[in-house]
Every structure is written in structure tokens, then in C-alpha cells.
Amino acid sequence: MSPAAIKIEELSTIKKKLSFEIPWNEVKEELDSVYRDVGKKAKLRGFRPGKVPRKVLETYFKEQVEGDTITNIINKYYWQTLEDKGIASVSKPEITQEGLKENTDFSFTASFETEPKFEPQGYKGLAVEKENIVVTDNDLENRFTQIRQMFATMEEVKEERPVRQGDFVTIDFAGTLNGESLKELKAENYFLEVGSKRFIPGFEEQLEGMNNNETKTLNVTFPEDYQEKKFAGKEVDFSVTIKNIKEKKLPELDEAFIKNFEKYNSLDDLKKEILKTLGEESKKMSETNLQNSIMDILLKENEFEVPPSLVEKQIYYMMADAHKRMTSAGMDEKNAMELSFKMHDKFKDEAVKIVKSFLILKAIAEKESLNVEESEIDKHIETLAVKHGRDYQLLKTAYEKDERRDSLKSELIQKKVFDFIEQHANIKAVEKIGMIPEDGK
């Protein structure tokens, strides 16, 4: 029995092609096996199950059997070759074949994408700055405001005053494009936070200064990249009526406010807890900023081709996340789905950056033999359980059940890579005053 002939071609740095020639005797064995399986299940009038002659089976099932035979052979040789040669495919194979011919060897090719092989550059001796972020009174005040926002009440504006940024208005609006009224540009009792930037740029700004029950025509130019192409870059006139003005009222920061919390007895207790949290967040922000700086340098130092299938997979994750956030914010399922799909192209550059970053960190980990043992993963899950007050065994089971363990392992390896890079870098400490600018923006 002659062995199958297998040829490997490098089509590019990220694409390979496998060519196979399978001897007819092996093809015939598989063909006979499939016919036997079909014969056991075939129900044809005049024949008992399992007793249908081969010639009759060929009359009724030839196309099905040959299709199954081809699928079985391709799967067997394709996956076995990947395993034997240590080749990691990151995409579905593109198969070309011309079917089965009696007494003729069966040929097929499989083209697929692989991760690029490259020598990671520039990760030792990096010159980079690390911010020592000093928490300020402005940070504390901002956090107090965020907490007060959680207990804010919405109250109707009683006094006669115009709309200002931060107000919540109920409006009717109707838009016209080239003098034509369109139902897509019309709504009644639309609730909008002025300054939220939820509407087309220029719309919310023109609401400022309007009075309750006032009607006004606003001229707005839609962005060139607006998802609805017929409006992109077009000027639209909106007739807008203010029907109601409300504003958020934040509670006073006094001892009565503390009664909203069980764990604090005084404002001073709350302040100490906030300062502790801000300190932890500032350290995390400092580390994140350092890692981003390191990654920006590594992306410039390492140029290589990125597999399109990995980029598409990352875009899909980003669209799914956008969809989840939009539905969580109250958008209906259909609109959220349509909008997330329209964001595909906008996500591409960021997706390429994320995939490249992952591949660079993976290459460094492999070169420096940085790995994570199973015991380290378990220890990390144990730390998470203590931190979040969860049962360790239940949390461990959840990671295994949801197939999140591999993702967690990848995160821990990346942390080791960053630790390694930082240990071998020239890091200059610089002081940064405040987690946010003094103007709060």
C-alpha cells in the first residue's frame, strides 16, 4: 500500500497550502466503509435493512456516499497532517477537489491562515516613563459627585429659565431633507439629556437657550460617516418643540446622606474609604498607562502581517460587546444589532492593534519561556474568590465550565511578559498630579 503524498507550500508569512494525493486503495476502503454504513440504515421497498445490494445502493445513494467519503478523507488527512507537522491553523481551510474517479488517486488542496512566525524585537532595554499619580482634592470631589449622582432625583424645572447643558428635555421633532418630511426624522415625547452627545453633532447645542413650550427650527449637518447613507453629509432642518424641562438634583453631602450606606457612620468614614479606593485605582491606572506605552513602542518595533481571520474574530467580539452595552443602556434588540453591525469597519484599526499586541506578547513569552502552571491559575482564582467574596470551588468550576480558564491563563502569561519587560527596561518615574485634569474633562 503506497502512502499518501503530502506537499506543504508557504503562500505568504500567514498562509499555507497543503496538497494531498490519496492512493485509490485507501479511497476505496473508505468508500466501501461508507456504503456499508448507508446499507445498514437504508430503507428501500423490497429489501430488508442491511441486505440491499451494492448496485442498488449506488443507484440511490451514490452522490451522498461519495460526498461523505470525500469529507471523511479530507478531515482525516488535513487534521492529522496539522498535528504531525505541528502546524497551528487559525482559519477554516479553503478546500479544492474535483471529486472521486474510479481507480484514480484522489487529490485535494487545503489553504489556511496561520499565526506569523517572527522574532520579537525591541522588548529589552526599553526607555519608558512611569507616572506616579498623586490623588488630589479634585479627584476626591469628582468621586463624591459620582456617588451623589447615584442618589440624584429628577425634578421638573419650576422657574422660567431656558434650557442649559445637563438638563433633561422632552421634545417633539420632525426633520426635513431637501424640503421632504421623512418619518425616520420624526419623534414625539423624545427624552434627551442635553450635552449627552447622543444626537447628531450640533443638535443638542442648539437646544440650549430655548424655553419651555417654544418651537424652533434647527439646521444640522449629518456626519460624513453617518450609518444611514442617505443622510450622510446632508443638511437637515428640524422643527423642535420643548415640552418639558427637568434637571437632576444631587443630595447634599451631610450626615443625612450617610444614612444611604450601612457600612459608614460618618462622612469622614466615607471620605477615608474613597481615598483608599482612589489610591488603589491610581496605582492600577499608572500600571495600565505604562503597559500602553510599552505596547505602543513594541507595535512600532515589530512589523508583520496579521491574519485577517483573527482580525475578523476580534471585530466580532467588539461588535458583540457594543451590542451588549447598547441593550443594557435600554436600546431595543433589533436596533442594537443593526448599529453594532454597522460599526464593523470602524472597529477594524483597533482590532488589528489588539491582535498584533496579542501576537507580540505571545512571541516574547515563547522566546523567554514564560509560562503559567495550572497551580498558578488555581491560586489566582482563589485570590479572586477572596476578593469578591465568592466560594472558591464554585468559581473554579465556573471558569472551567465557561471555558474561561484558557483566557485566564493567557491573561496571566501576558502579565508575566509585562513584568519581564519592566524588569529589563529603563523606567523613569514621573509625577502626575491628579487622576483627572483640574477642569474635570
Protein backbone atom coordinates (compact mmCIF):
# COMPACT_ATOMS: atom_id res chain seq x y z
CA MET A 1 0.00 0.00 0.00
CA SER A 2 1.61 3.28 -1.11
CA PRO A 3 1.43 6.17 1.40
CA ALA A 4 -0.39 9.42 0.73
CA ALA A 5 1.72 12.13 -0.91
CA ILE A 6 1.64 15.43 1.04
CA LYS A 7 3.16 18.73 -0.08
CA ILE A 8 3.40 21.91 2.05
CA GLU A 9 3.65 25.33 0.42
CA GLU A 10 4.21 28.73 2.07
CA LEU A 11 1.85 31.08 0.21
CA SER A 12 2.79 34.00 2.49
CA THR A 13 4.02 34.63 6.03
CA ILE A 14 0.50 33.85 7.28
CA LYS A 15 -0.89 31.42 4.71
CA LYS A 16 -0.03 27.81 3.88
CA LYS A 17 -1.33 25.32 1.34
CA LEU A 18 -1.33 21.56 1.82
CA SER A 19 -1.64 19.37 -1.27
CA PHE A 20 -2.67 15.73 -0.83
CA GLU A 21 -2.72 12.73 -3.17
CA ILE A 22 -4.50 9.77 -1.59
CA PRO A 23 -3.95 6.30 -3.17
CA TRP A 24 -7.06 4.76 -4.71
CA ASN A 25 -6.89 1.67 -2.47
CA GLU A 26 -7.34 3.91 0.62
CA VAL A 27 -10.12 5.84 -1.08
CA LYS A 28 -11.84 2.54 -1.98
CA GLU A 29 -11.60 1.31 1.62
CA GLU A 30 -13.33 4.47 2.87
CA LEU A 31 -15.90 4.33 0.06
CA ASP A 32 -16.74 0.71 0.91
CA SER A 33 -16.99 1.58 4.61
CA VAL A 34 -19.45 4.41 3.94
CA TYR A 35 -21.56 2.18 1.67
CA ARG A 36 -21.69 -0.42 4.46
CA ASP A 37 -22.91 2.22 6.94
CA VAL A 38 -25.52 3.52 4.49
CA GLY A 39 -26.61 -0.08 3.68
CA LYS A 40 -27.32 -0.77 7.37
CA LYS A 41 -29.73 2.17 7.59
CA ALA A 42 -31.20 2.27 4.07
CA LYS A 43 -34.93 1.59 3.82
CA LEU A 44 -35.87 0.54 0.29
CA ARG A 45 -39.05 -1.29 -0.68
CA GLY A 46 -38.43 -4.98 -1.40
CA PHE A 47 -35.22 -5.21 0.65
CA ARG A 48 -34.60 -5.98 4.27
CA PRO A 49 -32.39 -3.46 6.19
CA GLY A 50 -28.74 -4.39 5.73
CA LYS A 51 -29.49 -6.63 2.73
CA VAL A 52 -29.64 -4.01 -0.05
CA PRO A 53 -27.18 -4.95 -2.89
CA ARG A 54 -24.31 -2.54 -3.56
CA LYS A 55 -25.51 -1.82 -7.10
CA VAL A 56 -28.91 -0.74 -5.77
CA LEU A 57 -27.27 1.47 -3.12
CA GLU A 58 -25.16 3.09 -5.84
CA THR A 59 -28.34 3.90 -7.79
CA TYR A 60 -29.95 5.76 -4.90
CA PHE A 61 -27.08 6.96 -2.71
CA LYS A 62 -24.01 7.41 -4.94
CA GLU A 63 -23.82 11.22 -4.61
CA GLN A 64 -24.35 11.13 -0.82
CA VAL A 65 -21.81 8.35 -0.27
CA GLU A 66 -19.14 9.94 -2.41
CA GLY A 67 -19.69 13.28 -0.64
CA ASP A 68 -19.35 11.64 2.79
CA THR A 69 -16.27 9.72 1.63
CA ILE A 70 -14.58 12.91 0.42
CA THR A 71 -15.43 14.71 3.70
CA ASN A 72 -14.07 11.83 5.79
CA ILE A 73 -10.82 11.61 3.81
CA ILE A 74 -10.24 15.38 3.87
CA ASN A 75 -10.89 15.59 7.62
CA LYS A 76 -8.65 12.60 8.37
CA TYR A 77 -5.63 13.76 6.38
CA TYR A 78 -5.96 17.50 6.94
CA TRP A 79 -6.18 17.36 10.74
CA GLN A 80 -3.66 14.53 11.07
CA THR A 81 -1.12 16.46 8.99
CA LEU A 82 -1.57 19.61 11.08
CA GLU A 83 -0.94 17.56 14.22
CA ASP A 84 2.03 15.63 12.80
CA LYS A 85 3.73 18.76 11.43
CA GLY A 86 2.91 20.95 14.45
CA ILE A 87 1.07 23.49 12.28
CA ALA A 88 -1.47 25.78 14.00
CA SER A 89 -4.29 26.86 11.71
CA VAL A 90 -6.26 29.99 12.70
CA SER A 91 -8.91 29.83 9.96
CA LYS A 92 -11.20 27.35 8.25
CA PRO A 93 -9.43 25.65 5.33
CA GLU A 94 -10.31 26.54 1.76
CA ILE A 95 -10.68 23.14 0.06
CA THR A 96 -10.34 22.45 -3.64
CA GLN A 97 -11.03 18.99 -5.08
CA GLU A 98 -12.52 17.50 -8.24
CA GLY A 99 -14.47 14.57 -6.83
CA LEU A 100 -13.86 10.82 -6.95
CA LYS A 101 -12.94 8.88 -10.07
CA GLU A 102 -12.88 5.08 -10.21
CA ASN A 103 -9.37 3.56 -9.90
CA THR A 104 -7.83 7.06 -9.65
CA ASP A 105 -5.92 8.58 -6.74
CA PHE A 106 -7.90 11.34 -5.00
CA SER A 107 -6.27 14.80 -4.90
CA PHE A 108 -7.25 17.83 -2.85
CA THR A 109 -5.67 21.01 -1.50
CA ALA A 110 -6.33 22.89 1.74
CA SER A 111 -5.31 26.55 2.11
CA PHE A 112 -5.48 28.20 5.53
CA GLU A 113 -4.13 31.02 7.66
CA THR A 114 -1.52 30.59 10.38
CA GLU A 115 -0.05 32.85 13.02
CA PRO A 116 3.00 34.71 11.67
CA LYS A 117 6.42 33.47 12.76
CA PHE A 118 8.69 36.36 13.70
CA GLU A 119 11.49 37.20 16.08
CA PRO A 120 10.15 39.75 18.61
CA GLN A 121 12.22 42.92 18.64
CA GLY A 122 12.88 45.83 21.00
CA TYR A 123 11.44 44.47 24.22
CA LYS A 124 14.65 44.62 26.27
CA GLY A 125 16.17 47.87 27.50
CA LEU A 126 13.09 49.97 26.72
CA ALA A 127 13.29 53.63 27.76
CA VAL A 128 9.87 54.50 29.12
CA GLU A 129 8.23 56.76 31.70
CA LYS A 130 6.04 55.55 34.55
CA GLU A 131 3.63 58.00 36.12
CA ASN A 132 3.31 58.26 39.87
CA ILE A 133 -0.26 59.55 40.04
CA VAL A 134 -0.98 61.77 43.04
CA VAL A 135 -4.64 61.78 44.10
CA THR A 136 -5.93 65.35 44.52
CA ASP A 137 -8.89 67.11 46.14
CA ASN A 138 -10.31 67.42 42.63
CA ASP A 139 -10.29 63.61 42.28
CA LEU A 140 -11.99 63.29 45.66
CA GLU A 141 -14.62 65.88 44.75
CA ASN A 142 -15.26 64.17 41.42
CA ARG A 143 -15.80 60.81 43.15
CA PHE A 144 -18.14 62.37 45.70
CA THR A 145 -20.13 63.84 42.79
CA GLN A 146 -20.32 60.43 41.10
CA ILE A 147 -21.69 58.88 44.31
CA ARG A 148 -24.21 61.71 44.73
CA GLN A 149 -25.31 61.15 41.11
CA MET A 150 -26.33 57.61 42.12
CA PHE A 151 -28.85 59.10 44.56
CA ALA A 152 -29.94 62.03 42.41
CA THR A 153 -33.60 62.80 41.80
CA MET A 154 -35.15 64.13 38.59
CA GLU A 155 -37.21 67.28 39.21
CA GLU A 156 -39.21 69.47 36.88
CA VAL A 157 -37.80 72.97 36.41
CA LYS A 158 -40.32 75.32 38.05
CA GLU A 159 -38.75 78.70 37.36
CA GLU A 160 -38.89 80.39 33.99
CA ARG A 161 -35.46 79.73 32.57
CA PRO A 162 -34.06 78.47 29.24
CA VAL A 163 -32.60 75.02 28.60
CA ARG A 164 -29.00 74.60 29.64
CA GLN A 165 -26.43 71.83 29.36
CA GLY A 166 -27.19 68.94 31.71
CA ASP A 167 -30.97 69.42 31.54
CA PHE A 168 -33.27 66.58 30.55
CA VAL A 169 -35.83 67.68 27.99
CA THR A 170 -38.89 66.06 26.45
CA ILE A 171 -39.20 67.17 22.83
CA ASP A 172 -41.17 66.65 19.65
CA PHE A 173 -39.13 66.93 16.47
CA ALA A 174 -39.64 66.49 12.75
CA GLY A 175 -36.85 66.70 10.19
CA THR A 176 -36.94 67.60 6.50
CA LEU A 177 -34.31 66.75 3.90
CA ASN A 178 -34.44 68.95 0.79
CA GLY A 179 -37.91 70.05 1.88
CA GLU A 180 -39.20 66.47 2.18
CA SER A 181 -40.52 65.26 5.56
CA LEU A 182 -39.25 61.81 6.48
CA LYS A 183 -40.68 59.52 9.16
CA GLU A 184 -37.16 58.40 10.19
CA LEU A 185 -36.51 62.01 11.28
CA LYS A 186 -39.65 62.36 13.36
CA ALA A 187 -40.41 61.58 17.02
CA GLU A 188 -42.78 62.64 19.77
CA ASN A 189 -42.05 62.86 23.51
CA TYR A 190 -38.38 62.09 22.91
CA PHE A 191 -36.42 62.22 26.18
CA LEU A 192 -32.92 63.64 25.81
CA GLU A 193 -30.11 64.76 28.09
CA VAL A 194 -28.70 67.99 26.67
CA GLY A 195 -24.94 67.56 26.33
CA SER A 196 -25.01 63.75 26.26
CA LYS A 197 -23.91 63.78 22.59
CA ARG A 198 -26.49 61.09 21.79
CA PHE A 199 -27.84 63.14 18.90
CA ILE A 200 -26.27 64.41 15.69
CA PRO A 201 -23.48 66.94 16.41
CA GLY A 202 -24.95 70.45 16.60
CA PHE A 203 -28.48 69.38 17.55
CA GLU A 204 -28.19 69.39 21.34
CA GLU A 205 -26.13 72.58 21.35
CA GLN A 206 -28.96 74.45 19.59
CA LEU A 207 -31.48 73.34 22.23
CA GLU A 208 -29.59 75.39 24.82
CA GLY A 209 -31.31 78.74 25.33
CA MET A 210 -34.75 77.51 24.23
CA ASN A 211 -37.67 77.95 26.62
CA ASN A 212 -40.39 75.56 27.67
CA ASN A 213 -43.20 75.25 25.03
CA GLU A 214 -41.02 77.06 22.46
CA THR A 215 -40.76 75.78 18.88
CA LYS A 216 -37.65 76.44 16.83
CA THR A 217 -36.10 75.28 13.55
CA LEU A 218 -32.60 73.82 13.90
CA ASN A 219 -30.24 73.30 10.98
CA VAL A 220 -27.97 70.27 11.38
CA THR A 221 -25.40 68.68 9.06
CA PHE A 222 -25.13 64.92 9.44
CA PRO A 223 -21.58 63.47 9.72
CA GLU A 224 -19.99 62.14 6.51
CA ASP A 225 -19.65 58.69 8.11
CA TYR A 226 -23.24 58.55 9.40
CA GLN A 227 -24.51 54.95 9.33
CA GLU A 228 -27.66 55.81 7.32
CA LYS A 229 -26.03 56.65 3.98
CA LYS A 230 -28.88 58.76 2.61
CA PHE A 231 -28.35 61.26 5.46
CA ALA A 232 -24.53 61.18 5.50
CA GLY A 233 -23.11 64.67 4.93
CA LYS A 234 -26.59 66.13 4.28
CA GLU A 235 -28.15 69.25 5.80
CA VAL A 236 -31.44 68.63 7.62
CA ASP A 237 -33.88 71.14 9.13
CA PHE A 238 -35.50 70.02 12.38
CA SER A 239 -38.63 71.66 13.78
CA VAL A 240 -38.27 71.14 17.55
CA THR A 241 -40.73 71.86 20.38
CA ILE A 242 -39.65 71.82 24.03
CA LYS A 243 -42.46 70.14 26.01
CA ASN A 244 -40.80 69.71 29.37
CA ILE A 245 -37.56 70.58 31.16
CA LYS A 246 -36.18 68.56 34.05
CA GLU A 247 -32.93 68.70 35.97
CA LYS A 248 -31.04 66.38 38.25
CA LYS A 249 -30.96 67.38 41.89
CA LEU A 250 -28.00 65.97 43.79
CA PRO A 251 -28.39 65.31 47.53
CA GLU A 252 -26.39 67.45 49.94
CA LEU A 253 -23.23 65.92 51.36
CA ASP A 254 -24.25 65.83 55.01
CA GLU A 255 -24.82 63.33 57.78
CA ALA A 256 -28.30 62.56 56.38
CA PHE A 257 -26.65 61.43 53.14
CA ILE A 258 -24.58 58.85 55.07
CA LYS A 259 -27.80 57.05 56.04
CA ASN A 260 -27.85 55.69 52.46
CA PHE A 261 -24.93 53.42 53.48
CA GLU A 262 -24.86 50.78 56.18
CA LYS A 263 -21.09 50.49 56.45
CA TYR A 264 -20.29 54.17 57.16
CA ASN A 265 -21.09 56.05 60.36
CA SER A 266 -19.87 59.45 59.24
CA LEU A 267 -18.78 61.49 56.22
CA ASP A 268 -15.22 61.07 57.40
CA ASP A 269 -15.55 57.27 57.19
CA LEU A 270 -16.83 57.57 53.60
CA LYS A 271 -14.02 60.00 52.71
CA LYS A 272 -11.35 57.60 54.05
CA GLU A 273 -12.81 54.72 52.06
CA ILE A 274 -12.92 56.81 48.88
CA LEU A 275 -9.30 57.94 49.33
CA LYS A 276 -8.25 54.32 49.80
CA THR A 277 -10.11 53.26 46.64
CA LEU A 278 -8.69 56.19 44.64
CA GLY A 279 -5.19 55.24 45.78
CA GLU A 280 -5.69 51.68 44.50
CA GLU A 281 -7.18 52.95 41.24
CA SER A 282 -4.32 55.42 40.71
CA LYS A 283 -1.77 52.60 41.03
CA LYS A 284 -3.73 50.47 38.57
CA MET A 285 -4.04 53.42 36.18
CA SER A 286 -0.30 54.04 36.43
CA GLU A 287 0.45 50.41 35.55
CA THR A 288 -2.07 50.42 32.69
CA ASN A 289 -0.57 53.63 31.25
CA LEU A 290 2.92 52.10 31.48
CA GLN A 291 1.78 48.94 29.68
CA ASN A 292 0.12 51.05 26.97
CA SER A 293 3.37 52.99 26.48
CA ILE A 294 5.34 49.74 26.26
CA MET A 295 2.84 48.30 23.78
CA ASP A 296 3.00 51.42 21.56
CA ILE A 297 6.79 51.02 21.33
CA LEU A 298 6.56 47.28 20.60
CA LEU A 299 3.99 47.83 17.85
CA LYS A 300 6.41 50.24 16.12
CA GLU A 301 9.36 47.87 16.58
CA ASN A 302 7.60 44.77 15.24
CA GLU A 303 6.18 44.86 11.71
CA PHE A 304 4.46 41.72 10.45
CA GLU A 305 1.39 40.58 8.56
CA VAL A 306 -1.72 39.89 10.64
CA PRO A 307 -4.08 37.01 9.75
CA PRO A 308 -7.38 38.54 8.53
CA SER A 309 -9.37 35.74 10.20
CA LEU A 310 -8.01 36.76 13.65
CA VAL A 311 -8.86 40.40 12.94
CA GLU A 312 -12.41 39.42 11.93
CA LYS A 313 -12.78 37.34 15.08
CA GLN A 314 -11.69 40.34 17.19
CA ILE A 315 -14.10 42.64 15.35
CA TYR A 316 -16.88 40.16 16.08
CA TYR A 317 -16.04 40.29 19.82
CA MET A 318 -16.07 44.09 19.70
CA MET A 319 -19.43 44.19 17.89
CA ALA A 320 -20.89 41.71 20.40
CA ASP A 321 -19.64 43.88 23.26
CA ALA A 322 -21.10 47.04 21.66
CA HIS A 323 -24.42 45.23 21.19
CA LYS A 324 -24.45 44.15 24.84
CA ARG A 325 -23.70 47.69 26.06
CA MET A 326 -26.41 49.23 23.86
CA THR A 327 -29.10 46.78 25.01
CA SER A 328 -28.00 47.28 28.63
CA ALA A 329 -28.49 51.02 28.12
CA GLY A 330 -32.09 50.40 27.01
CA MET A 331 -31.82 50.18 23.21
CA ASP A 332 -34.10 47.57 21.63
CA GLU A 333 -32.52 44.34 20.37
CA LYS A 334 -33.05 44.94 16.63
CA ASN A 335 -31.64 48.49 16.53
CA ALA A 336 -28.70 47.47 18.72
CA MET A 337 -27.94 44.58 16.36
CA GLU A 338 -28.12 46.75 13.23
CA LEU A 339 -25.99 49.51 14.77
CA SER A 340 -23.34 47.09 16.05
CA PHE A 341 -23.01 45.53 12.55
CA LYS A 342 -22.61 48.98 11.02
CA MET A 343 -19.66 49.58 13.35
CA HIS A 344 -17.67 46.74 11.72
CA ASP A 345 -15.34 48.93 9.65
CA LYS A 346 -14.84 51.44 12.47
CA PHE A 347 -13.54 48.67 14.71
CA LYS A 348 -11.00 47.37 12.18
CA ASP A 349 -7.94 49.51 13.06
CA GLU A 350 -8.36 48.89 16.79
CA ALA A 351 -8.91 45.17 16.13
CA VAL A 352 -5.65 44.97 14.14
CA LYS A 353 -3.83 46.67 17.02
CA ILE A 354 -5.30 44.25 19.59
CA VAL A 355 -4.40 41.17 17.51
CA LYS A 356 -0.86 42.45 16.82
CA SER A 357 -0.36 43.19 20.52
CA PHE A 358 -1.51 39.67 21.44
CA LEU A 359 0.85 38.07 18.90
CA ILE A 360 3.83 40.17 20.03
CA LEU A 361 3.31 39.31 23.70
CA LYS A 362 2.84 35.63 22.78
CA ALA A 363 6.09 35.63 20.76
CA ILE A 364 8.01 37.19 23.67
CA ALA A 365 6.53 34.64 26.09
CA GLU A 366 7.65 31.78 23.82
CA LYS A 367 11.13 33.21 23.31
CA GLU A 368 11.70 33.82 27.02
CA SER A 369 9.97 30.55 28.07
CA LEU A 370 7.41 32.41 30.17
CA ASN A 371 4.56 30.09 31.07
CA VAL A 372 1.84 29.63 33.68
CA GLU A 373 1.38 26.41 35.63
CA GLU A 374 -2.07 25.04 36.45
CA SER A 375 -1.36 25.63 40.15
CA GLU A 376 -0.80 29.35 39.42
CA ILE A 377 -4.20 29.58 37.72
CA ASP A 378 -5.86 27.91 40.71
CA LYS A 379 -4.08 30.29 43.09
CA HIS A 380 -5.25 33.29 41.07
CA ILE A 381 -8.85 32.02 41.09
CA GLU A 382 -8.53 31.59 44.87
CA THR A 383 -7.39 35.23 45.17
CA LEU A 384 -10.35 36.37 43.06
CA ALA A 385 -12.74 34.35 45.23
CA VAL A 386 -11.45 36.01 48.42
CA LYS A 387 -11.50 39.48 46.85
CA HIS A 388 -15.09 39.20 45.61
CA GLY A 389 -16.46 37.08 48.46
CA ARG A 390 -17.14 34.05 46.26
CA ASP A 391 -16.85 30.35 47.00
CA TYR A 392 -13.52 29.16 45.56
CA GLN A 393 -14.74 25.77 44.30
CA LEU A 394 -17.83 27.29 42.65
CA LEU A 395 -15.72 30.00 40.98
CA LYS A 396 -13.17 27.44 39.78
CA THR A 397 -15.96 25.28 38.33
CA ALA A 398 -17.44 28.34 36.60
CA TYR A 399 -14.10 29.12 34.91
CA GLU A 400 -13.82 25.54 33.67
CA LYS A 401 -17.46 25.26 32.60
CA ASP A 402 -17.48 28.54 30.65
CA GLU A 403 -14.12 27.74 29.00
CA ARG A 404 -12.68 30.87 30.61
CA ARG A 405 -9.69 29.07 32.07
CA ASP A 406 -7.66 29.34 28.84
CA SER A 407 -8.48 33.04 28.66
CA LEU A 408 -7.36 33.48 32.26
CA LYS A 409 -4.14 31.61 31.52
CA SER A 410 -3.48 33.93 28.58
CA GLU A 411 -4.03 36.98 30.82
CA LEU A 412 -1.58 35.66 33.43
CA ILE A 413 1.06 34.92 30.77
CA GLN A 414 0.69 38.45 29.41
CA LYS A 415 1.18 39.82 32.93
CA LYS A 416 4.41 37.79 33.20
CA VAL A 417 5.56 39.22 29.87
CA PHE A 418 4.94 42.81 31.02
CA ASP A 419 6.70 42.08 34.33
CA PHE A 420 9.67 40.69 32.38
CA ILE A 421 9.79 43.73 30.07
CA GLU A 422 9.58 46.14 33.03
CA GLN A 423 12.38 44.30 34.85
CA HIS A 424 14.62 44.79 31.80
CA ALA A 425 13.53 48.35 30.98
CA ASN A 426 14.95 51.78 31.81
CA ILE A 427 11.93 53.22 33.60
CA LYS A 428 11.91 56.89 34.56
CA ALA A 429 9.43 57.79 37.31
CA VAL A 430 7.49 61.00 36.71
CA GLU A 431 4.90 62.62 38.96
CA LYS A 432 1.42 63.26 37.60
CA ILE A 433 -0.87 65.41 39.68
CA GLY A 434 -4.40 64.08 39.70
CA MET A 435 -6.25 61.20 38.05
CA ILE A 436 -8.28 63.71 36.02
CA PRO A 437 -7.46 67.24 34.79
CA GLU A 438 -8.47 70.10 37.06
CA ASP A 439 -11.33 71.06 34.70
CA GLY A 440 -12.75 67.55 35.12
CA LYS A 441 -12.74 66.77 31.38
